[in-house]
Amino acid sequence: MKSEFFIALIPKGPLRTGGVKAKGSYLNTLPYLPGSILRGTLAEWLSLTGQTQEIIPIVRRTRFGNLFPSCSEQVYSLPFPLTALECKAKGGFLNVP
């Protein structure tokens, strides 16, 4: 059985997600929240609530996609490719529900 869930995350404070710190003092960041962060957060929550035995089965059968910024919870956010083209006839892009 396959289920799909869409979530909206509203952070309570700033988030910095990025790779390993490069040489120098600059800390790079990503414009989205990687799914691996969500997976690790779920594993930590399961551990803190005494459900350690559930971590591996849940994580193995679940795919955690990336979380992209959106202007509201009702607007489904997708990564926007640099090669995207606007419609000449009607102008703009098709909204995805």
N, C-alpha and C. Protein backbone atom coordinates (compact mmCIF):
# COMPACT_ATOMS: atom_id res chain seq x y z
N MET A 1 0.84 -1.18 0.00
CA MET A 1 0.00 0.00 0.00
C MET A 1 0.88 1.24 0.00
N LYS A 2 0.57 2.16 -0.90
CA LYS A 2 1.38 3.36 -1.02
C LYS A 2 0.54 4.57 -0.64
N SER A 3 1.06 5.38 0.26
CA SER A 3 0.38 6.61 0.68
C SER A 3 1.30 7.78 0.40
N GLU A 4 0.71 8.91 0.13
CA GLU A 4 1.49 10.12 -0.12
C GLU A 4 0.94 11.23 0.76
N PHE A 5 1.84 11.89 1.48
CA PHE A 5 1.45 12.98 2.36
C PHE A 5 2.22 14.23 1.97
N PHE A 6 1.55 15.35 2.00
CA PHE A 6 2.19 16.64 1.78
C PHE A 6 2.16 17.38 3.11
N ILE A 7 3.27 17.95 3.48
CA ILE A 7 3.34 18.64 4.76
C ILE A 7 3.74 20.09 4.56
N ALA A 8 3.34 20.91 5.51
CA ALA A 8 3.76 22.31 5.54
C ALA A 8 4.53 22.51 6.84
N LEU A 9 5.72 23.01 6.73
CA LEU A 9 6.57 23.26 7.89
C LEU A 9 6.71 24.76 8.08
N ILE A 10 6.37 25.23 9.26
CA ILE A 10 6.54 26.64 9.58
C ILE A 10 7.55 26.72 10.72
N PRO A 11 8.80 27.08 10.39
CA PRO A 11 9.84 27.11 11.42
C PRO A 11 9.60 28.21 12.45
N LYS A 12 9.99 27.94 13.68
CA LYS A 12 9.86 28.92 14.76
C LYS A 12 11.05 29.86 14.80
N GLY A 13 12.08 29.57 14.05
CA GLY A 13 13.27 30.41 14.00
C GLY A 13 14.04 30.14 12.74
N PRO A 14 15.13 30.84 12.53
CA PRO A 14 15.94 30.64 11.33
C PRO A 14 16.53 29.23 11.27
N LEU A 15 16.65 28.71 10.07
CA LEU A 15 17.25 27.40 9.85
C LEU A 15 18.47 27.57 8.96
N ARG A 16 19.54 26.88 9.29
CA ARG A 16 20.71 26.87 8.41
C ARG A 16 21.00 25.42 8.08
N THR A 17 20.80 25.09 6.83
CA THR A 17 21.10 23.74 6.38
C THR A 17 22.10 23.86 5.25
N GLY A 18 23.15 23.15 5.35
CA GLY A 18 24.17 23.21 4.31
C GLY A 18 25.12 22.05 4.46
N GLY A 19 26.11 22.06 3.62
CA GLY A 19 27.09 21.00 3.64
C GLY A 19 28.15 21.23 4.69
N VAL A 20 29.26 20.56 4.51
CA VAL A 20 30.39 20.69 5.41
C VAL A 20 30.99 22.08 5.22
N LYS A 21 31.43 22.68 6.31
CA LYS A 21 32.00 24.02 6.25
C LYS A 21 33.28 24.00 5.42
N ALA A 22 33.30 24.84 4.41
CA ALA A 22 34.49 24.95 3.57
C ALA A 22 35.55 25.78 4.30
N LYS A 23 36.73 25.82 3.74
CA LYS A 23 37.79 26.63 4.35
C LYS A 23 37.35 28.09 4.36
N GLY A 24 37.63 28.76 5.42
CA GLY A 24 37.21 30.14 5.56
C GLY A 24 36.07 30.26 6.56
N SER A 25 35.53 31.44 6.67
CA SER A 25 34.49 31.68 7.66
C SER A 25 33.09 31.70 7.06
N TYR A 26 32.96 31.53 5.76
CA TYR A 26 31.66 31.58 5.11
C TYR A 26 30.92 30.26 5.30
N LEU A 27 29.70 30.33 5.79
CA LEU A 27 28.85 29.14 5.93
C LEU A 27 27.79 29.19 4.84
N ASN A 28 27.88 28.27 3.89
CA ASN A 28 26.86 28.26 2.85
C ASN A 28 25.59 27.63 3.38
N THR A 29 24.50 27.87 2.69
CA THR A 29 23.22 27.31 3.10
C THR A 29 22.47 26.88 1.85
N LEU A 30 21.40 26.17 2.03
CA LEU A 30 20.59 25.69 0.92
C LEU A 30 19.28 26.45 0.88
N PRO A 31 18.68 26.63 -0.29
CA PRO A 31 17.41 27.35 -0.38
C PRO A 31 16.20 26.45 -0.09
N TYR A 32 16.43 25.26 0.42
CA TYR A 32 15.37 24.32 0.74
C TYR A 32 15.82 23.47 1.93
N LEU A 33 14.90 22.71 2.49
CA LEU A 33 15.22 21.82 3.60
C LEU A 33 15.31 20.39 3.06
N PRO A 34 16.49 19.77 3.09
CA PRO A 34 16.63 18.42 2.54
C PRO A 34 15.76 17.40 3.29
N GLY A 35 15.28 16.41 2.55
CA GLY A 35 14.48 15.34 3.15
C GLY A 35 15.24 14.57 4.22
N SER A 36 16.56 14.53 4.11
CA SER A 36 17.36 13.82 5.11
C SER A 36 17.24 14.48 6.48
N ILE A 37 17.04 15.80 6.51
CA ILE A 37 16.83 16.51 7.79
C ILE A 37 15.52 16.06 8.41
N LEU A 38 14.49 15.96 7.60
CA LEU A 38 13.18 15.50 8.08
C LEU A 38 13.27 14.06 8.59
N ARG A 39 13.97 13.20 7.84
CA ARG A 39 14.15 11.80 8.24
C ARG A 39 14.88 11.71 9.58
N GLY A 40 15.95 12.48 9.75
CA GLY A 40 16.70 12.48 11.00
C GLY A 40 15.89 13.01 12.16
N THR A 41 15.07 14.02 11.89
CA THR A 41 14.21 14.58 12.94
C THR A 41 13.18 13.55 13.40
N LEU A 42 12.61 12.82 12.46
CA LEU A 42 11.65 11.76 12.82
C LEU A 42 12.35 10.68 13.64
N ALA A 43 13.54 10.28 13.24
CA ALA A 43 14.29 9.26 13.98
C ALA A 43 14.60 9.73 15.40
N GLU A 44 14.98 10.99 15.55
CA GLU A 44 15.26 11.55 16.88
C GLU A 44 14.00 11.55 17.73
N TRP A 45 12.86 11.94 17.14
CA TRP A 45 11.60 11.97 17.89
C TRP A 45 11.21 10.56 18.33
N LEU A 46 11.35 9.58 17.44
CA LEU A 46 11.04 8.20 17.81
C LEU A 46 11.94 7.73 18.94
N SER A 47 13.20 8.11 18.90
CA SER A 47 14.14 7.73 19.96
C SER A 47 13.76 8.37 21.29
N LEU A 48 13.42 9.65 21.26
CA LEU A 48 13.06 10.37 22.50
C LEU A 48 11.76 9.86 23.11
N THR A 49 10.86 9.33 22.28
CA THR A 49 9.58 8.83 22.79
C THR A 49 9.62 7.34 23.09
N GLY A 50 10.82 6.75 23.11
CA GLY A 50 10.95 5.35 23.48
C GLY A 50 10.56 4.37 22.40
N GLN A 51 10.53 4.79 21.15
CA GLN A 51 10.14 3.92 20.05
C GLN A 51 11.34 3.60 19.16
N THR A 52 12.48 3.37 19.77
CA THR A 52 13.72 3.13 19.03
C THR A 52 13.60 1.96 18.06
N GLN A 53 12.87 0.92 18.43
CA GLN A 53 12.73 -0.25 17.57
C GLN A 53 11.96 0.05 16.30
N GLU A 54 11.24 1.16 16.25
CA GLU A 54 10.44 1.52 15.08
C GLU A 54 11.23 2.34 14.06
N ILE A 55 12.40 2.85 14.43
CA ILE A 55 13.14 3.76 13.55
C ILE A 55 13.46 3.10 12.21
N ILE A 56 14.12 1.97 12.22
CA ILE A 56 14.56 1.34 10.97
C ILE A 56 13.37 0.94 10.08
N PRO A 57 12.33 0.27 10.61
CA PRO A 57 11.21 -0.08 9.73
C PRO A 57 10.52 1.14 9.10
N ILE A 58 10.33 2.18 9.88
CA ILE A 58 9.65 3.37 9.35
C ILE A 58 10.51 4.07 8.31
N VAL A 59 11.78 4.26 8.61
CA VAL A 59 12.67 4.98 7.69
C VAL A 59 12.88 4.19 6.39
N ARG A 60 12.93 2.87 6.47
CA ARG A 60 13.13 2.05 5.27
C ARG A 60 11.96 2.13 4.30
N ARG A 61 10.74 2.23 4.82
CA ARG A 61 9.59 2.21 3.93
C ARG A 61 9.06 3.61 3.59
N THR A 62 9.75 4.64 4.03
CA THR A 62 9.30 6.01 3.79
C THR A 62 10.30 6.78 2.95
N ARG A 63 9.79 7.50 1.97
CA ARG A 63 10.62 8.39 1.17
C ARG A 63 10.38 9.81 1.66
N PHE A 64 11.45 10.49 2.00
CA PHE A 64 11.36 11.85 2.50
C PHE A 64 11.86 12.80 1.42
N GLY A 65 10.94 13.54 0.82
CA GLY A 65 11.32 14.50 -0.21
C GLY A 65 11.81 15.80 0.41
N ASN A 66 12.38 16.64 -0.42
CA ASN A 66 12.86 17.94 0.04
C ASN A 66 11.68 18.87 0.30
N LEU A 67 11.85 19.79 1.23
CA LEU A 67 10.83 20.80 1.53
C LEU A 67 11.28 22.12 0.91
N PHE A 68 10.46 22.63 -0.02
CA PHE A 68 10.79 23.86 -0.72
C PHE A 68 9.94 25.01 -0.18
N PRO A 69 10.46 26.23 -0.20
CA PRO A 69 9.69 27.37 0.30
C PRO A 69 8.47 27.65 -0.58
N SER A 70 7.43 28.14 0.06
CA SER A 70 6.19 28.48 -0.64
C SER A 70 5.61 29.73 0.00
N CYS A 71 4.79 30.45 -0.75
CA CYS A 71 4.21 31.69 -0.21
C CYS A 71 3.07 31.41 0.77
N SER A 72 2.47 30.22 0.72
CA SER A 72 1.42 29.85 1.69
C SER A 72 1.27 28.34 1.72
N GLU A 73 0.53 27.84 2.69
CA GLU A 73 0.30 26.40 2.82
C GLU A 73 -0.52 25.84 1.67
N GLN A 74 -1.33 26.68 1.03
CA GLN A 74 -2.20 26.22 -0.05
C GLN A 74 -1.48 26.14 -1.39
N VAL A 75 -0.31 26.73 -1.50
CA VAL A 75 0.42 26.73 -2.77
C VAL A 75 1.46 25.62 -2.74
N TYR A 76 1.28 24.65 -3.62
CA TYR A 76 2.19 23.51 -3.72
C TYR A 76 3.49 23.98 -4.36
N SER A 77 4.58 23.75 -3.69
CA SER A 77 5.87 24.25 -4.14
C SER A 77 6.68 23.16 -4.82
N LEU A 78 7.21 23.48 -5.99
CA LEU A 78 8.07 22.56 -6.73
C LEU A 78 9.37 23.28 -7.06
N PRO A 79 10.45 22.55 -7.24
CA PRO A 79 11.66 23.23 -7.71
C PRO A 79 11.41 23.75 -9.12
N PHE A 80 11.84 24.96 -9.37
CA PHE A 80 11.59 25.61 -10.65
C PHE A 80 12.84 25.51 -11.51
N PRO A 81 12.81 24.73 -12.59
CA PRO A 81 14.02 24.56 -13.40
C PRO A 81 14.41 25.84 -14.12
N LEU A 82 15.69 26.05 -14.28
CA LEU A 82 16.17 27.23 -14.99
C LEU A 82 15.75 27.21 -16.46
N THR A 83 15.40 26.04 -16.97
CA THR A 83 15.01 25.92 -18.37
C THR A 83 13.51 26.08 -18.58
N ALA A 84 12.75 26.42 -17.55
CA ALA A 84 11.30 26.56 -17.67
C ALA A 84 10.97 27.71 -18.62
N LEU A 85 9.94 27.50 -19.43
CA LEU A 85 9.52 28.52 -20.39
C LEU A 85 8.10 28.95 -20.08
N GLU A 86 7.81 30.22 -20.33
CA GLU A 86 6.48 30.76 -20.12
C GLU A 86 5.65 30.55 -21.39
N CYS A 87 4.35 30.32 -21.23
CA CYS A 87 3.45 30.14 -22.36
C CYS A 87 3.29 31.46 -23.11
N LYS A 88 3.54 31.46 -24.42
CA LYS A 88 3.42 32.69 -25.22
C LYS A 88 1.96 33.10 -25.41
N ALA A 89 1.08 32.12 -25.57
CA ALA A 89 -0.32 32.41 -25.88
C ALA A 89 -1.06 33.04 -24.70
N LYS A 90 -0.89 32.49 -23.52
CA LYS A 90 -1.65 32.96 -22.36
C LYS A 90 -0.80 33.68 -21.33
N GLY A 91 0.49 33.54 -21.40
CA GLY A 91 1.37 34.19 -20.43
C GLY A 91 1.30 33.52 -19.07
N GLY A 92 2.40 33.46 -18.39
CA GLY A 92 2.44 32.87 -17.05
C GLY A 92 2.61 31.36 -17.09
N PHE A 93 2.40 30.75 -15.93
CA PHE A 93 2.59 29.32 -15.77
C PHE A 93 1.32 28.71 -15.21
N LEU A 94 1.13 27.43 -15.47
CA LEU A 94 -0.03 26.70 -14.95
C LEU A 94 0.15 26.47 -13.46
N ASN A 95 -0.86 26.77 -12.67
CA ASN A 95 -0.80 26.53 -11.22
C ASN A 95 -1.01 25.05 -10.94
N VAL A 96 -0.21 24.50 -10.07
CA VAL A 96 -0.35 23.10 -9.67
C VAL A 96 -1.07 23.08 -8.33
N PRO A 97 -2.22 22.39 -8.24
CA PRO A 97 -2.93 22.38 -6.94
C PRO A 97 -2.17 21.65 -5.87
